Amino acid sequence: MSMRQTAKVRGGAAAAVVAVLALALAGCGDGGKPKEPQTPSAPQSKAAGSQAPDPSAGKSSEPTEVLATVNGASGMVLTVNSLQRDPGGFLTVNGQIKNTGTESFAGTSAWRGIELKGTGESVAGATLVDKAGKKRYYVLRDTEARCLCTTGISSVGPGQVVPFFAQFPAPPATTTEVEFSLPTFATATVKISG
C-alpha cells in the first residue's frame, strides 16, 4: 500500500470513529432541557388471566426494616431502621421521625441536647447506653464541634416524615444491644445489626 492509500484508510477510520462518538453523545445529552414526567397515554388492556408486573411493587419511600419504634411528645414517633457498625470504630443509627399529630411540632430544639445550644437544630442530644458495659455514648463531633448527625430540623409538620442519622463511637464487639435515646422520646432497646 502506498502512503497515500494508507492516509485515506486512516482518515476514513477516524471519520467513522468521530461519527459513532457523535451519535453516542447525542443520544446521551438532553440539550439542557428539563425532563417532563411521562404519563401513560391510554390504559392497556390485559388478556384474561394474565397480569403485567407492577413496576412500583416492592418499592417504598420508607425503609422496610424496623428495629424499634417509640413514641414522643405531641404525636411524634421515632423509628430506628438500622444500627450498623462502620469501619473505623463508629456506630451509625439511621431512622425516621414522623409527626402523627394534627399540628406542626416545633419542639425540636430539645433534640440537640445541652452541649450544642448555639449551633442550631439537630439530633445531637441522642445517646446510646451499653448497659452490659455500663457506658454511655454521645454523638460524635467533627473538629469544628459540629455533630455527625442530622441537622436543620426546625419543625415537623403534620404527617411529615423526617429521616435522621447519628454517629457514635462503637461499643466493644461483644456488645450486641444498646439503648437509644433522643430527648422527648421514650428509650428504645435496639440490637446492633453489624
N, C-alpha and C. Protein backbone atom coordinates (compact mmCIF):
# COMPACT_ATOMS: atom_id res chain seq x y z
N MET A 1 0.83 -1.17 0.00
CA MET A 1 0.00 0.00 0.00
C MET A 1 0.88 1.24 0.00
N SER A 2 0.51 2.22 -0.75
CA SER A 2 1.29 3.45 -0.78
C SER A 2 0.91 4.34 0.39
N MET A 3 1.68 5.37 0.63
CA MET A 3 1.42 6.29 1.72
C MET A 3 0.09 7.01 1.53
N ARG A 4 -0.24 7.29 0.30
CA ARG A 4 -1.48 8.00 0.01
C ARG A 4 -2.68 7.11 0.37
N GLN A 5 -2.66 5.83 0.03
CA GLN A 5 -3.75 4.91 0.33
C GLN A 5 -3.87 4.71 1.84
N THR A 6 -2.74 4.60 2.55
CA THR A 6 -2.75 4.42 4.00
C THR A 6 -3.38 5.64 4.67
N ALA A 7 -3.05 6.82 4.23
CA ALA A 7 -3.61 8.04 4.80
C ALA A 7 -5.12 8.09 4.58
N LYS A 8 -5.60 7.66 3.39
CA LYS A 8 -7.04 7.66 3.11
C LYS A 8 -7.75 6.68 4.03
N VAL A 9 -7.16 5.48 4.25
CA VAL A 9 -7.78 4.47 5.11
C VAL A 9 -7.84 4.97 6.55
N ARG A 10 -6.73 5.53 7.04
CA ARG A 10 -6.70 6.05 8.41
C ARG A 10 -7.67 7.21 8.56
N GLY A 11 -7.73 8.09 7.58
CA GLY A 11 -8.66 9.23 7.63
C GLY A 11 -10.10 8.75 7.63
N GLY A 12 -10.40 7.71 6.84
CA GLY A 12 -11.77 7.17 6.80
C GLY A 12 -12.14 6.51 8.12
N ALA A 13 -11.18 5.79 8.72
CA ALA A 13 -11.43 5.14 10.02
C ALA A 13 -11.65 6.19 11.10
N ALA A 14 -10.87 7.26 11.07
CA ALA A 14 -11.02 8.33 12.05
C ALA A 14 -12.38 9.00 11.90
N ALA A 15 -12.81 9.21 10.66
CA ALA A 15 -14.12 9.83 10.42
C ALA A 15 -15.23 8.93 10.95
N ALA A 16 -15.08 7.62 10.77
CA ALA A 16 -16.10 6.68 11.25
C ALA A 16 -16.17 6.71 12.78
N VAL A 17 -15.01 6.75 13.46
CA VAL A 17 -14.97 6.81 14.93
C VAL A 17 -15.62 8.10 15.42
N VAL A 18 -15.32 9.23 14.78
CA VAL A 18 -15.91 10.51 15.16
C VAL A 18 -17.42 10.47 14.98
N ALA A 19 -17.90 9.88 13.91
CA ALA A 19 -19.34 9.79 13.66
C ALA A 19 -20.02 8.95 14.73
N VAL A 20 -19.41 7.82 15.09
CA VAL A 20 -20.00 6.95 16.13
C VAL A 20 -20.03 7.67 17.46
N LEU A 21 -18.95 8.35 17.83
CA LEU A 21 -18.92 9.09 19.09
C LEU A 21 -19.94 10.21 19.10
N ALA A 22 -20.10 10.91 17.99
CA ALA A 22 -21.10 11.99 17.91
C ALA A 22 -22.51 11.45 18.13
N LEU A 23 -22.80 10.31 17.51
CA LEU A 23 -24.13 9.70 17.70
C LEU A 23 -24.32 9.26 19.14
N ALA A 24 -23.28 8.68 19.74
CA ALA A 24 -23.39 8.23 21.13
C ALA A 24 -23.62 9.41 22.07
N LEU A 25 -22.87 10.48 21.88
CA LEU A 25 -23.05 11.65 22.73
C LEU A 25 -24.40 12.32 22.51
N ALA A 26 -24.87 12.33 21.29
CA ALA A 26 -26.18 12.93 21.01
C ALA A 26 -27.28 12.13 21.70
N GLY A 27 -27.11 10.83 21.80
CA GLY A 27 -28.11 10.00 22.47
C GLY A 27 -28.09 10.20 23.98
N CYS A 28 -26.93 10.61 24.54
CA CYS A 28 -26.82 10.78 25.99
C CYS A 28 -27.29 12.14 26.45
N GLY A 29 -27.15 13.14 25.64
CA GLY A 29 -27.47 14.51 26.05
C GLY A 29 -28.95 14.78 26.02
N ASP A 30 -29.35 15.73 26.85
CA ASP A 30 -30.76 16.13 26.86
C ASP A 30 -30.93 17.57 26.42
N GLY A 31 -29.83 18.17 25.95
CA GLY A 31 -29.91 19.54 25.46
C GLY A 31 -30.17 20.55 26.55
N GLY A 32 -30.01 20.16 27.82
CA GLY A 32 -30.22 21.09 28.92
C GLY A 32 -31.67 21.33 29.25
N LYS A 33 -32.57 20.61 28.59
CA LYS A 33 -33.99 20.80 28.84
C LYS A 33 -34.42 19.91 30.00
N PRO A 34 -35.27 20.41 30.90
CA PRO A 34 -35.75 19.57 31.98
C PRO A 34 -36.66 18.46 31.42
N LYS A 35 -36.55 17.30 32.03
CA LYS A 35 -37.38 16.18 31.59
C LYS A 35 -38.79 16.36 32.11
N GLU A 36 -39.74 16.09 31.26
CA GLU A 36 -41.13 16.18 31.67
C GLU A 36 -41.58 14.81 32.14
N PRO A 37 -42.41 14.76 33.18
CA PRO A 37 -42.86 13.47 33.65
C PRO A 37 -43.67 12.75 32.58
N GLN A 38 -43.45 11.47 32.48
CA GLN A 38 -44.18 10.69 31.50
C GLN A 38 -45.52 10.27 32.08
N THR A 39 -46.54 10.42 31.30
CA THR A 39 -47.86 9.99 31.73
C THR A 39 -48.34 8.94 30.74
N PRO A 40 -49.01 7.94 31.25
CA PRO A 40 -49.50 6.92 30.33
C PRO A 40 -50.52 7.52 29.37
N SER A 41 -50.40 7.19 28.09
CA SER A 41 -51.28 7.76 27.09
C SER A 41 -52.67 7.13 27.15
N ALA A 42 -52.71 5.85 27.31
CA ALA A 42 -54.00 5.17 27.41
C ALA A 42 -53.79 3.87 28.15
N PRO A 43 -54.77 3.48 28.95
CA PRO A 43 -54.61 2.22 29.66
C PRO A 43 -54.57 1.06 28.67
N GLN A 44 -53.69 0.11 28.92
CA GLN A 44 -53.58 -1.03 28.04
C GLN A 44 -54.47 -2.15 28.57
N SER A 45 -55.12 -2.82 27.67
CA SER A 45 -55.99 -3.91 28.11
C SER A 45 -55.13 -5.15 28.35
N LYS A 46 -55.55 -5.94 29.30
CA LYS A 46 -54.84 -7.15 29.64
C LYS A 46 -55.66 -8.35 29.21
N ALA A 47 -54.97 -9.35 28.75
CA ALA A 47 -55.65 -10.59 28.39
C ALA A 47 -56.16 -11.24 29.66
N ALA A 48 -57.26 -11.95 29.56
CA ALA A 48 -57.84 -12.60 30.73
C ALA A 48 -56.84 -13.59 31.31
N GLY A 49 -56.65 -13.51 32.62
CA GLY A 49 -55.77 -14.43 33.31
C GLY A 49 -54.30 -14.02 33.30
N SER A 50 -53.93 -12.97 32.60
CA SER A 50 -52.52 -12.56 32.61
C SER A 50 -52.39 -11.25 33.35
N GLN A 51 -51.26 -11.11 34.04
CA GLN A 51 -51.02 -9.88 34.77
C GLN A 51 -49.65 -9.36 34.40
N ALA A 52 -49.58 -8.09 34.09
CA ALA A 52 -48.29 -7.46 33.83
C ALA A 52 -47.65 -7.13 35.17
N PRO A 53 -46.34 -7.26 35.27
CA PRO A 53 -45.70 -6.92 36.53
C PRO A 53 -45.85 -5.44 36.85
N ASP A 54 -46.08 -5.13 38.12
CA ASP A 54 -46.24 -3.76 38.57
C ASP A 54 -44.86 -3.21 38.91
N PRO A 55 -44.37 -2.18 38.16
CA PRO A 55 -43.02 -1.67 38.42
C PRO A 55 -42.88 -1.03 39.79
N SER A 56 -43.97 -0.58 40.41
CA SER A 56 -43.87 0.05 41.72
C SER A 56 -44.00 -0.95 42.85
N ALA A 57 -44.27 -2.21 42.53
CA ALA A 57 -44.41 -3.22 43.58
C ALA A 57 -43.09 -3.41 44.28
N GLY A 58 -43.15 -3.45 45.59
CA GLY A 58 -41.95 -3.67 46.37
C GLY A 58 -41.12 -2.42 46.59
N LYS A 59 -41.50 -1.30 45.99
CA LYS A 59 -40.75 -0.06 46.18
C LYS A 59 -41.53 0.83 47.13
N SER A 60 -40.83 1.39 48.10
CA SER A 60 -41.47 2.26 49.06
C SER A 60 -40.50 3.37 49.43
N SER A 61 -41.02 4.52 49.77
CA SER A 61 -40.16 5.62 50.18
C SER A 61 -39.66 5.40 51.61
N GLU A 62 -40.31 4.52 52.36
CA GLU A 62 -39.91 4.27 53.73
C GLU A 62 -39.08 2.98 53.80
N PRO A 63 -38.04 2.98 54.63
CA PRO A 63 -37.27 1.75 54.80
C PRO A 63 -38.16 0.63 55.34
N THR A 64 -37.89 -0.60 54.93
CA THR A 64 -38.75 -1.70 55.31
C THR A 64 -38.40 -2.29 56.67
N GLU A 65 -37.11 -2.28 57.05
CA GLU A 65 -36.71 -2.88 58.32
C GLU A 65 -36.96 -1.90 59.46
N VAL A 66 -37.60 -2.38 60.50
CA VAL A 66 -37.86 -1.58 61.68
C VAL A 66 -37.27 -2.33 62.88
N LEU A 67 -36.26 -1.71 63.51
CA LEU A 67 -35.63 -2.33 64.67
C LEU A 67 -36.32 -1.92 65.97
N ALA A 68 -36.86 -0.68 65.99
CA ALA A 68 -37.55 -0.20 67.19
C ALA A 68 -38.41 0.99 66.81
N THR A 69 -39.51 1.14 67.52
CA THR A 69 -40.40 2.29 67.36
C THR A 69 -40.80 2.77 68.74
N VAL A 70 -40.65 4.08 68.98
CA VAL A 70 -41.02 4.66 70.27
C VAL A 70 -41.80 5.95 70.06
N ASN A 71 -42.66 6.25 71.02
CA ASN A 71 -43.49 7.45 70.95
C ASN A 71 -42.83 8.60 71.69
N GLY A 72 -43.15 9.80 71.24
CA GLY A 72 -42.64 11.00 71.87
C GLY A 72 -43.76 11.98 72.16
N ALA A 73 -43.39 13.20 72.43
CA ALA A 73 -44.35 14.25 72.76
C ALA A 73 -45.18 14.64 71.53
N SER A 74 -46.41 15.03 71.75
CA SER A 74 -47.30 15.62 70.73
C SER A 74 -47.48 14.77 69.48
N GLY A 75 -47.57 13.46 69.63
CA GLY A 75 -47.83 12.59 68.48
C GLY A 75 -46.61 12.27 67.63
N MET A 76 -45.42 12.58 68.12
CA MET A 76 -44.20 12.26 67.37
C MET A 76 -43.84 10.79 67.59
N VAL A 77 -43.39 10.14 66.51
CA VAL A 77 -43.00 8.73 66.57
C VAL A 77 -41.61 8.60 65.96
N LEU A 78 -40.70 7.94 66.69
CA LEU A 78 -39.34 7.73 66.23
C LEU A 78 -39.18 6.25 65.88
N THR A 79 -38.67 5.99 64.69
CA THR A 79 -38.42 4.62 64.23
C THR A 79 -36.93 4.47 63.95
N VAL A 80 -36.32 3.42 64.49
CA VAL A 80 -34.92 3.11 64.20
C VAL A 80 -34.92 2.01 63.14
N ASN A 81 -34.29 2.29 61.99
CA ASN A 81 -34.26 1.35 60.88
C ASN A 81 -32.95 0.56 60.78
N SER A 82 -31.86 1.13 61.26
CA SER A 82 -30.60 0.39 61.27
C SER A 82 -29.68 0.94 62.34
N LEU A 83 -28.87 0.06 62.87
CA LEU A 83 -27.85 0.40 63.86
C LEU A 83 -26.64 -0.43 63.45
N GLN A 84 -25.74 0.18 62.71
CA GLN A 84 -24.69 -0.54 61.99
C GLN A 84 -23.31 -0.11 62.44
N ARG A 85 -22.45 -1.10 62.67
CA ARG A 85 -21.03 -0.81 62.93
C ARG A 85 -20.37 -0.44 61.61
N ASP A 86 -19.59 0.64 61.63
CA ASP A 86 -18.88 1.11 60.44
C ASP A 86 -17.39 0.87 60.60
N PRO A 87 -16.66 0.76 59.48
CA PRO A 87 -15.20 0.66 59.60
C PRO A 87 -14.65 1.89 60.31
N GLY A 88 -13.65 1.70 61.11
CA GLY A 88 -13.05 2.83 61.81
C GLY A 88 -13.56 2.99 63.23
N GLY A 89 -14.40 2.08 63.69
CA GLY A 89 -14.84 2.14 65.07
C GLY A 89 -16.04 3.04 65.34
N PHE A 90 -16.93 3.19 64.36
CA PHE A 90 -18.12 4.01 64.54
C PHE A 90 -19.37 3.14 64.54
N LEU A 91 -20.43 3.68 65.09
CA LEU A 91 -21.75 3.04 65.08
C LEU A 91 -22.74 4.08 64.57
N THR A 92 -23.43 3.78 63.48
CA THR A 92 -24.35 4.75 62.88
C THR A 92 -25.79 4.28 63.06
N VAL A 93 -26.61 5.17 63.58
CA VAL A 93 -28.04 4.93 63.75
C VAL A 93 -28.77 5.67 62.64
N ASN A 94 -29.64 4.97 61.91
CA ASN A 94 -30.48 5.59 60.88
C ASN A 94 -31.94 5.32 61.23
N GLY A 95 -32.77 6.31 60.98
CA GLY A 95 -34.19 6.13 61.26
C GLY A 95 -35.03 7.26 60.71
N GLN A 96 -36.24 7.35 61.25
CA GLN A 96 -37.19 8.37 60.81
C GLN A 96 -37.95 8.91 62.00
N ILE A 97 -38.33 10.16 61.89
CA ILE A 97 -39.19 10.79 62.88
C ILE A 97 -40.43 11.24 62.15
N LYS A 98 -41.58 10.80 62.64
CA LYS A 98 -42.85 11.12 61.97
C LYS A 98 -43.78 11.86 62.93
N ASN A 99 -44.43 12.88 62.40
CA ASN A 99 -45.43 13.62 63.16
C ASN A 99 -46.79 13.01 62.83
N THR A 100 -47.35 12.26 63.78
CA THR A 100 -48.67 11.65 63.57
C THR A 100 -49.79 12.55 64.09
N GLY A 101 -49.40 13.70 64.63
CA GLY A 101 -50.39 14.63 65.16
C GLY A 101 -51.02 15.49 64.07
N THR A 102 -51.87 16.41 64.50
CA THR A 102 -52.58 17.29 63.56
C THR A 102 -51.98 18.69 63.50
N GLU A 103 -50.99 18.97 64.36
CA GLU A 103 -50.35 20.28 64.37
C GLU A 103 -48.85 20.13 64.17
N SER A 104 -48.24 21.18 63.67
CA SER A 104 -46.80 21.19 63.46
C SER A 104 -46.08 21.09 64.81
N PHE A 105 -45.01 20.30 64.85
CA PHE A 105 -44.22 20.12 66.07
C PHE A 105 -42.98 21.00 65.97
N ALA A 106 -42.86 21.96 66.89
CA ALA A 106 -41.74 22.89 66.86
C ALA A 106 -40.79 22.69 68.04
N GLY A 107 -40.93 21.62 68.79
CA GLY A 107 -40.10 21.37 69.96
C GLY A 107 -38.80 20.65 69.64
N THR A 108 -38.29 20.85 68.42
CA THR A 108 -37.08 20.13 68.00
C THR A 108 -35.81 20.64 68.69
N SER A 109 -35.85 21.81 69.31
CA SER A 109 -34.65 22.33 69.97
C SER A 109 -34.20 21.41 71.11
N ALA A 110 -35.11 20.67 71.71
CA ALA A 110 -34.74 19.73 72.78
C ALA A 110 -33.90 18.58 72.23
N TRP A 111 -34.02 18.27 70.96
CA TRP A 111 -33.29 17.15 70.37
C TRP A 111 -31.79 17.41 70.27
N ARG A 112 -31.39 18.66 70.28
CA ARG A 112 -29.95 18.96 70.14
C ARG A 112 -29.18 18.75 71.43
N GLY A 113 -29.86 18.57 72.54
CA GLY A 113 -29.19 18.38 73.81
C GLY A 113 -28.67 19.68 74.37
N ILE A 114 -27.89 19.58 75.43
CA ILE A 114 -27.40 20.79 76.10
C ILE A 114 -26.02 21.22 75.64
N GLU A 115 -25.31 20.35 74.90
CA GLU A 115 -23.93 20.66 74.53
C GLU A 115 -23.82 21.64 73.36
N LEU A 116 -24.77 21.64 72.46
CA LEU A 116 -24.63 22.42 71.23
C LEU A 116 -25.71 23.48 71.08
N LYS A 117 -25.99 24.22 72.11
CA LYS A 117 -27.08 25.18 72.06
C LYS A 117 -26.91 26.25 70.99
N GLY A 118 -25.71 26.66 70.67
CA GLY A 118 -25.51 27.73 69.71
C GLY A 118 -25.38 27.27 68.28
N THR A 119 -25.57 26.00 67.98
CA THR A 119 -25.31 25.50 66.63
C THR A 119 -26.56 25.17 65.82
N GLY A 120 -27.72 25.50 66.30
CA GLY A 120 -28.93 25.23 65.54
C GLY A 120 -29.53 23.88 65.85
N GLU A 121 -30.63 23.59 65.17
CA GLU A 121 -31.36 22.36 65.44
C GLU A 121 -30.63 21.14 64.88
N SER A 122 -30.65 20.05 65.66
CA SER A 122 -30.03 18.80 65.25
C SER A 122 -30.55 17.69 66.16
N VAL A 123 -30.06 16.49 65.94
CA VAL A 123 -30.37 15.37 66.85
C VAL A 123 -29.13 15.03 67.67
N ALA A 124 -28.30 16.04 67.97
CA ALA A 124 -27.06 15.85 68.71
C ALA A 124 -27.28 15.45 70.16
N GLY A 125 -28.48 15.56 70.66
CA GLY A 125 -28.77 15.16 72.03
C GLY A 125 -29.01 13.67 72.18
N ALA A 126 -28.93 12.92 71.09
CA ALA A 126 -29.13 11.47 71.15
C ALA A 126 -27.98 10.81 71.90
N THR A 127 -28.30 9.72 72.58
CA THR A 127 -27.27 8.95 73.30
C THR A 127 -27.51 7.47 73.10
N LEU A 128 -26.44 6.71 73.28
CA LEU A 128 -26.51 5.24 73.32
C LEU A 128 -26.00 4.81 74.67
N VAL A 129 -26.64 3.80 75.25
CA VAL A 129 -26.19 3.26 76.52
C VAL A 129 -25.93 1.77 76.34
N ASP A 130 -24.71 1.38 76.69
CA ASP A 130 -24.32 -0.03 76.72
C ASP A 130 -24.50 -0.48 78.17
N LYS A 131 -25.64 -1.10 78.46
CA LYS A 131 -25.93 -1.48 79.84
C LYS A 131 -24.96 -2.53 80.35
N ALA A 132 -24.59 -3.49 79.49
CA ALA A 132 -23.66 -4.54 79.92
C ALA A 132 -22.29 -3.94 80.24
N GLY A 133 -21.83 -3.02 79.42
CA GLY A 133 -20.53 -2.39 79.63
C GLY A 133 -20.59 -1.19 80.55
N LYS A 134 -21.80 -0.81 80.97
CA LYS A 134 -22.03 0.33 81.86
C LYS A 134 -21.37 1.61 81.34
N LYS A 135 -21.70 1.93 80.06
CA LYS A 135 -21.12 3.11 79.43
C LYS A 135 -22.14 3.82 78.56
N ARG A 136 -22.09 5.16 78.60
CA ARG A 136 -22.96 6.00 77.77
C ARG A 136 -22.12 6.60 76.64
N TYR A 137 -22.69 6.62 75.42
CA TYR A 137 -22.00 7.17 74.26
C TYR A 137 -22.79 8.36 73.73
N TYR A 138 -22.06 9.43 73.38
CA TYR A 138 -22.67 10.64 72.85
C TYR A 138 -22.35 10.75 71.35
N VAL A 139 -23.16 11.53 70.64
CA VAL A 139 -22.96 11.74 69.21
C VAL A 139 -21.57 12.34 68.98
N LEU A 140 -20.87 11.81 67.97
CA LEU A 140 -19.53 12.29 67.64
C LEU A 140 -19.59 13.71 67.07
N ARG A 141 -18.48 14.45 67.24
CA ARG A 141 -18.35 15.81 66.71
C ARG A 141 -17.15 15.85 65.78
N ASP A 142 -17.19 16.75 64.80
CA ASP A 142 -16.01 16.94 63.95
C ASP A 142 -15.08 17.94 64.62
N THR A 143 -14.01 18.32 63.93
CA THR A 143 -13.00 19.20 64.54
C THR A 143 -13.50 20.62 64.78
N GLU A 144 -14.65 20.96 64.18
CA GLU A 144 -15.24 22.28 64.40
C GLU A 144 -16.46 22.21 65.32
N ALA A 145 -16.56 21.12 66.09
CA ALA A 145 -17.61 20.90 67.08
C ALA A 145 -19.00 20.71 66.48
N ARG A 146 -19.09 20.40 65.18
CA ARG A 146 -20.39 20.09 64.57
C ARG A 146 -20.67 18.61 64.77
N CYS A 147 -21.92 18.30 65.06
CA CYS A 147 -22.27 16.90 65.29
C CYS A 147 -22.24 16.10 64.00
N LEU A 148 -21.92 14.82 64.11
CA LEU A 148 -22.03 13.91 62.98
C LEU A 148 -23.43 13.30 63.05
N CYS A 149 -24.39 14.14 62.69
CA CYS A 149 -25.79 13.76 62.80
C CYS A 149 -26.63 14.67 61.90
N THR A 150 -27.91 14.39 61.83
CA THR A 150 -28.84 15.20 61.06
C THR A 150 -28.98 16.58 61.72
N THR A 151 -28.95 17.62 60.91
CA THR A 151 -29.10 18.98 61.40
C THR A 151 -30.19 19.69 60.60
N GLY A 152 -30.60 20.85 61.08
CA GLY A 152 -31.52 21.70 60.33
C GLY A 152 -32.99 21.35 60.46
N ILE A 153 -33.36 20.60 61.47
CA ILE A 153 -34.78 20.26 61.66
C ILE A 153 -35.37 21.30 62.61
N SER A 154 -36.07 22.27 62.07
CA SER A 154 -36.63 23.32 62.92
C SER A 154 -38.07 23.02 63.34
N SER A 155 -38.79 22.27 62.52
CA SER A 155 -40.15 21.84 62.87
C SER A 155 -40.51 20.65 62.00
N VAL A 156 -41.53 19.92 62.43
CA VAL A 156 -42.02 18.76 61.68
C VAL A 156 -43.52 18.94 61.52
N GLY A 157 -43.97 19.10 60.28
CA GLY A 157 -45.38 19.33 60.01
C GLY A 157 -46.23 18.09 60.21
N PRO A 158 -47.54 18.24 60.31
CA PRO A 158 -48.42 17.09 60.49
C PRO A 158 -48.28 16.11 59.32
N GLY A 159 -48.06 14.84 59.64
CA GLY A 159 -47.90 13.81 58.62
C GLY A 159 -46.51 13.75 58.00
N GLN A 160 -45.65 14.70 58.32
CA GLN A 160 -44.31 14.74 57.73
C GLN A 160 -43.41 13.68 58.35
N VAL A 161 -42.57 13.07 57.50
CA VAL A 161 -41.58 12.09 57.94
C VAL A 161 -40.20 12.69 57.65
N VAL A 162 -39.35 12.73 58.68
CA VAL A 162 -38.01 13.29 58.55
C VAL A 162 -36.99 12.19 58.81
N PRO A 163 -36.16 11.86 57.82
CA PRO A 163 -35.11 10.88 58.07
C PRO A 163 -34.02 11.48 58.96
N PHE A 164 -33.37 10.64 59.77
CA PHE A 164 -32.29 11.13 60.61
C PHE A 164 -31.18 10.09 60.69
N PHE A 165 -29.98 10.57 61.05
CA PHE A 165 -28.88 9.67 61.36
C PHE A 165 -28.08 10.30 62.49
N ALA A 166 -27.36 9.47 63.22
CA ALA A 166 -26.45 9.94 64.26
C ALA A 166 -25.32 8.93 64.34
N GLN A 167 -24.08 9.44 64.47
CA GLN A 167 -22.92 8.55 64.52
C GLN A 167 -22.27 8.64 65.90
N PHE A 168 -21.96 7.46 66.45
CA PHE A 168 -21.42 7.34 67.79
C PHE A 168 -20.11 6.55 67.75
N PRO A 169 -19.29 6.64 68.82
CA PRO A 169 -18.18 5.69 68.94
C PRO A 169 -18.79 4.31 69.12
N ALA A 170 -18.20 3.30 68.53
CA ALA A 170 -18.76 1.95 68.62
C ALA A 170 -18.42 1.33 69.97
N PRO A 171 -19.40 0.69 70.59
CA PRO A 171 -19.10 -0.06 71.80
C PRO A 171 -18.27 -1.30 71.45
N PRO A 172 -17.75 -2.02 72.44
CA PRO A 172 -16.96 -3.21 72.14
C PRO A 172 -17.73 -4.21 71.29
N ALA A 173 -17.01 -5.04 70.54
CA ALA A 173 -17.62 -6.02 69.65
C ALA A 173 -18.51 -7.01 70.41
N THR A 174 -18.27 -7.19 71.69
CA THR A 174 -19.09 -8.11 72.50
C THR A 174 -20.46 -7.53 72.81
N THR A 175 -20.63 -6.23 72.65
CA THR A 175 -21.93 -5.58 72.89
C THR A 175 -22.81 -5.78 71.66
N THR A 176 -23.96 -6.40 71.86
CA THR A 176 -24.88 -6.68 70.76
C THR A 176 -26.18 -5.89 70.84
N GLU A 177 -26.39 -5.19 71.96
CA GLU A 177 -27.64 -4.47 72.17
C GLU A 177 -27.35 -3.20 72.95
N VAL A 178 -27.99 -2.09 72.54
CA VAL A 178 -27.84 -0.81 73.24
C VAL A 178 -29.21 -0.17 73.41
N GLU A 179 -29.26 0.83 74.28
CA GLU A 179 -30.46 1.65 74.43
C GLU A 179 -30.22 2.97 73.72
N PHE A 180 -31.12 3.33 72.80
CA PHE A 180 -31.02 4.58 72.05
C PHE A 180 -32.02 5.56 72.64
N SER A 181 -31.55 6.77 72.93
CA SER A 181 -32.42 7.81 73.49
C SER A 181 -32.26 9.11 72.71
N LEU A 182 -33.38 9.78 72.50
CA LEU A 182 -33.42 11.12 71.94
C LEU A 182 -34.40 11.91 72.80
N PRO A 183 -34.00 13.09 73.31
CA PRO A 183 -34.91 13.86 74.17
C PRO A 183 -36.30 14.00 73.56
N THR A 184 -37.31 13.93 74.39
CA THR A 184 -38.76 13.98 74.13
C THR A 184 -39.31 12.64 73.66
N PHE A 185 -38.46 11.61 73.48
CA PHE A 185 -38.93 10.27 73.09
C PHE A 185 -38.60 9.27 74.19
N ALA A 186 -39.36 8.19 74.22
CA ALA A 186 -39.04 7.08 75.12
C ALA A 186 -37.75 6.43 74.67
N THR A 187 -37.12 5.66 75.52
CA THR A 187 -35.88 4.95 75.20
C THR A 187 -36.22 3.69 74.44
N ALA A 188 -35.40 3.39 73.42
CA ALA A 188 -35.60 2.19 72.59
C ALA A 188 -34.41 1.24 72.78
N THR A 189 -34.70 -0.02 73.04
CA THR A 189 -33.65 -1.03 73.10
C THR A 189 -33.50 -1.62 71.71
N VAL A 190 -32.27 -1.54 71.17
CA VAL A 190 -32.03 -1.91 69.77
C VAL A 190 -30.84 -2.85 69.67
N LYS A 191 -30.99 -3.89 68.84
CA LYS A 191 -29.89 -4.80 68.55
C LYS A 191 -28.98 -4.18 67.49
N ILE A 192 -27.68 -4.33 67.67
CA ILE A 192 -26.73 -3.84 66.68
C ILE A 192 -26.72 -4.84 65.52
N SER A 193 -26.92 -4.32 64.31
CA SER A 193 -27.10 -5.22 63.16
C SER A 193 -25.80 -5.58 62.45
N GLY A 194 -24.69 -5.01 62.81
CA GLY A 194 -23.47 -5.38 62.10
C GLY A 194 -22.25 -5.19 62.92
